Amino acid sequence: MELRQLKYFTCLYEEGSVTRAAQRLNIVQPALSMQISKLEEELGQPLFERTSKGMIPTETGEQAYRLFMPLLGQLLEARQTLIHRNGEISGRIHAGLIASAANQALASTLAYFVEHHPNVELQVSYGYSQNLIDRVLSGDLDFAVINQSFQQERLTRIDLVDEELLVATGAANRLRVPTPVPLSALRELKLVLPSRLHGLRIVIDQSLAALGLEVSPDLELDDLTVIESFLRRGDYVSILPATVLRQGLEEGALRAYPLERPGLNRSMVCVHDSRRPLSPAARLFVDIIGKTLATGLDAIHFYKEGATDHDLD
């Protein structure tokens, strides 16, 4: 029994299709079928029932998956550990990031990797949180950095950063509500927010719903950088993460106001399939991007308008 056969078996089990499994493994279909047949021959029992609807695991196949999956994870992790005993980090990372994480921290994280770990091959994709989760579960992504509001039993979560959401306006646009801004006053503002497909909007709506509140924005835009640029040019107001506003605040093009307690917060987390441990390179990447995101929060409170001393603690 070979490690390659175990990888092919678990992939076929999860995909339920020779075509999809071969695409995920980046091999031709006959090679996959041949290794599965060899494994079945060695075990003396069929692992899949070949049907017109795909590959259906047999009872033996179900049991084999339960037994092989934890062993495969341990073997892959052990191999990575032994390969990198000399301190060299190498390998391939396919990461998924929500756009706000990419805009804030990706460039500096990539620059660090290119300089310090040139043997790591990096590929980064963007998307909505739910889309990224689906790609992690399908094996297309090694991990994803998303908003925390999504729950999946098969995912392992690594907390990265918890940040305050602020009421944001252009520099020339003065709020006509008290500050810190009462949550109930959000309904009076001319709001531009992401659509309900966006992870940040889900966080906002869920947090307000827990307090018996809701908002109806006048305009919906899913790109946070476009919202930030839009605020500079008009009289709209938004609710955005502190780090998204940092550059505009430093340039004096935006104003940011704290919300009255309990306020609103969003957490960014890294998720990966619990059945597939992160490689040393992936763990390092996640650690660095988490630290980079946290660094971006350091000076934000100095730019808040109408914050009390208590708010700045």
Protein backbone atom coordinates (compact mmCIF):
# COMPACT_ATOMS: atom_id res chain seq x y z
CA MET A 1 0.00 0.00 0.00
CA GLU A 2 1.51 3.31 -1.12
CA LEU A 3 1.02 6.84 0.15
CA ARG A 4 0.04 7.82 -3.38
CA GLN A 5 -2.76 5.25 -3.36
CA LEU A 6 -4.12 6.58 -0.09
CA LYS A 7 -4.14 10.14 -1.47
CA TYR A 8 -5.90 9.01 -4.64
CA PHE A 9 -8.46 6.98 -2.69
CA THR A 10 -9.39 9.80 -0.28
CA CYS A 11 -9.65 12.29 -3.12
CA LEU A 12 -11.92 9.99 -5.15
CA TYR A 13 -14.03 9.29 -2.06
CA GLU A 14 -14.52 13.03 -1.44
CA GLU A 15 -15.20 13.95 -5.06
CA GLY A 16 -17.32 10.94 -6.01
CA SER A 17 -16.14 11.30 -9.60
CA VAL A 18 -13.04 10.05 -11.41
CA THR A 19 -13.07 13.15 -13.60
CA ARG A 20 -13.19 15.64 -10.70
CA ALA A 21 -10.71 13.68 -8.60
CA ALA A 22 -8.22 13.49 -11.48
CA GLN A 23 -8.57 17.23 -12.05
CA ARG A 24 -8.00 17.95 -8.35
CA LEU A 25 -4.94 15.68 -8.27
CA ASN A 26 -3.69 17.07 -11.59
CA ILE A 27 -3.31 13.57 -13.10
CA VAL A 28 -4.93 11.71 -15.99
CA GLN A 29 -7.98 9.58 -15.25
CA PRO A 30 -6.43 6.19 -16.27
CA ALA A 31 -3.61 6.71 -13.74
CA LEU A 32 -6.15 7.32 -10.98
CA SER A 33 -8.28 4.31 -11.96
CA MET A 34 -5.22 2.05 -12.13
CA GLN A 35 -4.06 2.96 -8.59
CA ILE A 36 -7.56 2.50 -7.16
CA SER A 37 -7.78 -0.92 -8.82
CA LYS A 38 -4.39 -1.89 -7.35
CA LEU A 39 -5.54 -0.83 -3.89
CA GLU A 40 -8.76 -2.83 -4.22
CA GLU A 41 -6.78 -5.84 -5.40
CA GLU A 42 -4.45 -5.57 -2.40
CA LEU A 43 -7.37 -5.29 0.04
CA GLY A 44 -9.29 -8.05 -1.72
CA GLN A 45 -12.52 -6.05 -1.75
CA PRO A 46 -14.10 -3.34 -3.94
CA LEU A 47 -13.96 0.16 -2.47
CA PHE A 48 -16.38 1.78 -4.93
CA GLU A 49 -19.45 0.83 -6.89
CA ARG A 50 -19.13 2.18 -10.43
CA THR A 51 -22.45 3.74 -11.44
CA SER A 52 -23.70 6.17 -14.08
CA LYS A 53 -24.00 8.79 -11.33
CA GLY A 54 -20.40 8.42 -10.17
CA MET A 55 -18.29 6.38 -7.80
CA ILE A 56 -20.33 5.27 -4.79
CA PRO A 57 -18.29 4.01 -1.80
CA THR A 58 -19.02 0.46 -0.70
CA GLU A 59 -19.29 -0.43 2.97
CA THR A 60 -15.61 -1.36 2.83
CA GLY A 61 -14.88 1.97 1.15
CA GLU A 62 -16.66 3.86 3.93
CA GLN A 63 -14.66 1.99 6.58
CA ALA A 64 -11.40 2.47 4.67
CA TYR A 65 -11.96 6.23 4.49
CA ARG A 66 -12.54 6.45 8.25
CA LEU A 67 -9.34 4.49 8.88
CA PHE A 68 -7.10 5.99 6.19
CA MET A 69 -7.96 9.69 6.56
CA PRO A 70 -6.27 10.34 9.95
CA LEU A 71 -3.31 8.17 8.94
CA LEU A 72 -2.87 10.07 5.70
CA GLY A 73 -2.86 13.40 7.54
CA GLN A 74 -0.24 12.14 9.99
CA LEU A 75 1.94 10.72 7.21
CA LEU A 76 1.85 13.92 5.17
CA GLU A 77 2.66 16.05 8.20
CA ALA A 78 5.50 13.72 9.21
CA ARG A 79 6.93 13.82 5.71
CA GLN A 80 6.84 17.61 5.63
CA THR A 81 8.53 17.79 9.03
CA LEU A 82 11.36 15.46 7.98
CA ILE A 83 11.84 17.16 4.64
CA HIS A 84 12.26 20.54 6.32
CA ARG A 85 14.55 19.51 9.17
CA ASN A 86 17.32 21.60 7.59
CA GLY A 87 15.23 24.72 8.19
CA GLU A 88 14.42 25.30 4.53
CA ILE A 89 10.74 25.96 3.84
CA SER A 90 9.50 24.88 0.43
CA GLY A 91 6.40 23.57 -1.23
CA ARG A 92 3.28 24.99 -2.80
CA ILE A 93 0.55 27.08 -1.20
CA HIS A 94 -2.84 27.84 -2.73
CA ALA A 95 -4.53 30.35 -0.44
CA GLY A 96 -7.92 31.99 -0.60
CA LEU A 97 -8.54 35.45 0.84
CA ILE A 98 -11.49 37.76 1.15
CA ALA A 99 -10.70 41.00 -0.67
CA SER A 100 -10.36 43.13 2.47
CA ALA A 101 -7.67 40.81 3.85
CA ALA A 102 -5.86 40.81 0.53
CA ASN A 103 -5.95 44.59 0.23
CA GLN A 104 -4.63 45.10 3.75
CA ALA A 105 -1.96 42.47 4.23
CA LEU A 106 -1.24 40.42 1.13
CA ALA A 107 1.42 42.58 -0.51
CA SER A 108 3.68 42.75 2.54
CA THR A 109 3.17 39.04 3.30
CA LEU A 110 4.08 38.08 -0.26
CA ALA A 111 7.11 40.37 -0.18
CA TYR A 112 8.34 38.62 2.96
CA PHE A 113 7.91 35.18 1.42
CA VAL A 114 9.62 36.08 -1.83
CA GLU A 115 12.61 37.40 0.10
CA HIS A 116 12.91 34.78 2.87
CA HIS A 117 11.38 31.64 1.34
CA PRO A 118 12.03 31.67 -2.40
CA ASN A 119 11.33 27.92 -2.65
CA VAL A 120 7.68 28.38 -1.71
CA GLU A 121 5.38 28.54 -4.72
CA LEU A 122 2.41 30.79 -3.96
CA GLN A 123 -1.00 31.07 -5.58
CA VAL A 124 -3.70 33.35 -4.17
CA SER A 125 -7.39 33.53 -5.07
CA TYR A 126 -10.04 36.02 -3.93
CA GLY A 127 -13.73 35.54 -3.29
CA TYR A 128 -16.65 35.74 -0.90
CA SER A 129 -16.26 33.85 2.37
CA GLN A 130 -18.76 31.10 1.46
CA ASN A 131 -17.19 30.57 -1.95
CA LEU A 132 -13.75 30.24 -0.37
CA ILE A 133 -15.08 27.74 2.18
CA ASP A 134 -16.49 25.60 -0.62
CA ARG A 135 -13.11 25.60 -2.35
CA VAL A 136 -11.32 24.63 0.86
CA LEU A 137 -13.70 21.70 1.36
CA SER A 138 -13.26 20.58 -2.26
CA GLY A 139 -9.48 20.56 -1.84
CA ASP A 140 -8.95 23.38 -4.35
CA LEU A 141 -7.54 25.67 -1.62
CA ASP A 142 -5.17 24.76 1.21
CA PHE A 143 -6.81 27.35 3.47
CA ALA A 144 -8.80 30.58 3.34
CA VAL A 145 -8.88 33.82 5.30
CA ILE A 146 -12.54 34.74 5.78
CA ASN A 147 -14.99 36.52 8.04
CA GLN A 148 -15.90 34.54 11.13
CA SER A 149 -19.66 34.32 10.63
CA PHE A 150 -19.50 31.05 8.67
CA GLN A 151 -19.56 27.72 10.49
CA GLN A 152 -18.66 24.30 9.09
CA GLU A 153 -18.10 21.10 11.04
CA ARG A 154 -15.23 19.97 8.82
CA LEU A 155 -13.25 23.19 9.19
CA THR A 156 -10.46 23.93 11.64
CA ARG A 157 -10.39 27.61 12.58
CA ILE A 158 -7.38 29.77 13.45
CA ASP A 159 -8.24 33.19 14.88
CA LEU A 160 -6.28 35.98 13.20
CA VAL A 161 -7.61 39.40 14.15
CA ASP A 162 -10.64 41.00 15.77
CA GLU A 163 -11.30 44.55 14.64
CA GLU A 164 -13.77 47.30 15.33
CA LEU A 165 -16.25 48.46 12.72
CA LEU A 166 -16.43 52.24 12.42
CA VAL A 167 -18.89 54.69 10.92
CA ALA A 168 -17.01 56.28 8.02
CA THR A 169 -17.59 59.41 5.94
CA GLY A 170 -15.69 61.63 3.57
CA ALA A 171 -13.65 64.40 5.20
CA ALA A 172 -16.15 67.09 4.14
CA ASN A 173 -19.20 65.14 5.32
CA ARG A 174 -20.12 65.83 8.95
CA LEU A 175 -22.41 63.44 10.80
CA ARG A 176 -25.71 64.81 12.09
CA VAL A 177 -26.02 62.25 14.87
CA PRO A 178 -24.34 62.04 18.29
CA THR A 179 -20.90 60.45 18.65
CA PRO A 180 -20.10 57.80 19.60
CA VAL A 181 -22.87 56.86 17.17
CA PRO A 182 -25.84 55.04 18.74
CA LEU A 183 -26.59 51.82 16.90
CA SER A 184 -30.22 52.87 16.58
CA ALA A 185 -29.08 56.02 14.72
CA LEU A 186 -27.64 53.96 11.85
CA ARG A 187 -31.14 53.81 10.34
CA GLU A 188 -31.05 57.62 9.91
CA LEU A 189 -27.87 57.65 7.83
CA LYS A 190 -27.48 57.62 4.06
CA LEU A 191 -25.71 54.27 3.99
CA VAL A 192 -23.62 52.50 1.40
CA LEU A 193 -22.87 48.90 2.39
CA PRO A 194 -21.89 45.62 0.74
CA SER A 195 -24.70 43.38 -0.48
CA ARG A 196 -26.07 40.48 1.55
CA LEU A 197 -23.72 38.11 -0.30
CA HIS A 198 -20.72 39.80 1.28
CA GLY A 199 -19.26 38.40 4.51
CA LEU A 200 -18.97 41.85 6.10
CA ARG A 201 -22.65 42.58 5.46
CA ILE A 202 -23.55 39.23 7.01
CA VAL A 203 -21.54 40.17 10.11
CA ILE A 204 -23.27 43.58 10.32
CA ASP A 205 -26.77 42.20 9.81
CA GLN A 206 -26.31 39.33 12.27
CA SER A 207 -24.84 41.60 14.96
CA LEU A 208 -27.63 44.16 14.62
CA ALA A 209 -30.32 41.47 14.49
CA ALA A 210 -29.07 40.13 17.83
CA LEU A 211 -29.84 43.58 19.26
CA GLY A 212 -33.24 43.79 17.57
CA LEU A 213 -32.05 46.26 14.92
CA GLU A 214 -31.68 46.29 11.15
CA VAL A 215 -30.49 48.70 8.46
CA SER A 216 -31.54 49.26 4.86
CA PRO A 217 -28.70 50.83 2.85
CA ASP A 218 -29.43 53.32 0.08
CA LEU A 219 -26.67 51.83 -2.05
CA GLU A 220 -24.92 48.45 -2.15
CA LEU A 221 -21.35 47.94 -3.41
CA ASP A 222 -19.40 44.74 -2.78
CA ASP A 223 -15.86 46.10 -3.24
CA LEU A 224 -14.77 47.77 0.00
CA THR A 225 -12.09 49.79 -1.75
CA VAL A 226 -14.76 51.19 -4.08
CA ILE A 227 -16.92 52.09 -1.06
CA GLU A 228 -13.94 53.81 0.56
CA SER A 229 -13.28 55.77 -2.65
CA PHE A 230 -16.98 56.58 -3.02
CA LEU A 231 -17.11 58.07 0.50
CA ARG A 232 -14.39 60.55 -0.40
CA ARG A 233 -16.55 62.02 -3.18
CA GLY A 234 -20.03 62.28 -1.70
CA ASP A 235 -22.32 62.50 1.31
CA TYR A 236 -22.77 58.77 1.89
CA VAL A 237 -21.89 57.02 5.14
CA SER A 238 -20.64 53.47 5.59
CA ILE A 239 -19.74 50.94 8.30
CA LEU A 240 -16.30 49.57 7.58
CA PRO A 241 -13.47 47.70 9.31
CA ALA A 242 -10.86 49.93 10.88
CA THR A 243 -8.02 48.63 8.73
CA VAL A 244 -9.88 49.31 5.48
CA LEU A 245 -10.04 52.98 6.47
CA ARG A 246 -6.42 53.38 7.55
CA GLN A 247 -4.99 54.94 4.40
CA GLY A 248 -7.90 57.34 3.92
CA LEU A 249 -7.67 58.43 7.56
CA GLU A 250 -3.93 59.00 7.36
CA GLU A 251 -4.42 61.07 4.19
CA GLY A 252 -7.14 63.16 5.83
CA ALA A 253 -9.63 62.12 3.14
CA LEU A 254 -11.94 60.23 5.51
CA ARG A 255 -13.41 60.58 8.96
CA ALA A 256 -14.17 57.66 11.28
CA TYR A 257 -16.54 57.64 14.24
CA PRO A 258 -16.84 54.95 16.93
CA LEU A 259 -20.14 53.25 17.58
CA GLU A 260 -21.76 53.39 20.97
CA ARG A 261 -21.13 50.24 22.99
CA PRO A 262 -21.50 47.34 22.48
CA GLY A 263 -20.51 48.47 18.99
CA LEU A 264 -19.87 46.18 16.04
CA ASN A 265 -16.83 44.01 15.41
CA ARG A 266 -15.71 41.59 12.75
CA SER A 267 -13.17 38.81 13.18
CA MET A 268 -11.04 37.42 10.41
CA VAL A 269 -10.10 33.76 10.74
CA CYS A 270 -8.15 31.21 8.76
CA VAL A 271 -9.98 27.96 8.00
CA HIS A 272 -8.69 24.71 6.56
CA ASP A 273 -10.13 21.23 6.16
CA SER A 274 -9.64 19.43 9.47
CA ARG A 275 -8.72 16.28 7.53
CA ARG A 276 -5.80 18.01 5.81
CA PRO A 277 -3.21 19.53 8.18
CA LEU A 278 -1.48 22.70 7.04
CA SER A 279 2.02 22.28 5.68
CA PRO A 280 4.89 24.13 7.44
CA ALA A 281 4.89 26.69 4.61
CA ALA A 282 1.13 27.25 4.91
CA ARG A 283 1.33 27.58 8.70
CA LEU A 284 4.07 30.19 8.32
CA PHE A 285 2.07 32.10 5.73
CA VAL A 286 -0.99 32.16 7.99
CA ASP A 287 1.08 33.32 10.96
CA ILE A 288 2.64 36.18 9.00
CA ILE A 289 -0.57 37.41 7.42
CA GLY A 290 -2.25 37.34 10.85
CA LYS A 291 0.53 39.46 12.36
CA THR A 292 0.38 41.85 9.39
CA LEU A 293 -3.36 42.30 9.79
CA ALA A 294 -2.96 42.96 13.52
CA THR A 295 -0.23 45.55 12.88
CA GLY A 296 -2.62 47.53 10.72
CA LEU A 297 -4.87 48.15 13.73
CA ASP A 298 -2.24 49.77 15.94
CA ALA A 299 -2.75 53.45 15.13
CA ILE A 300 -6.39 53.50 14.06
CA HIS A 301 -7.83 54.86 17.34
CA PHE A 302 -5.90 58.11 16.92
CA TYR A 303 -8.07 58.97 13.92
CA LYS A 304 -11.49 58.48 15.52
CA GLU A 305 -13.74 61.52 15.61
CA GLY A 306 -15.85 62.08 18.69
CA ALA A 307 -14.33 59.25 20.70
CA THR A 308 -14.26 59.58 24.45
CA ASP A 309 -11.27 58.66 26.58
CA HIS A 310 -13.20 55.56 27.62
CA ASP A 311 -13.51 54.56 23.96
CA LEU A 312 -9.75 54.82 23.46
CA ASP A 313 -8.84 52.52 26.33
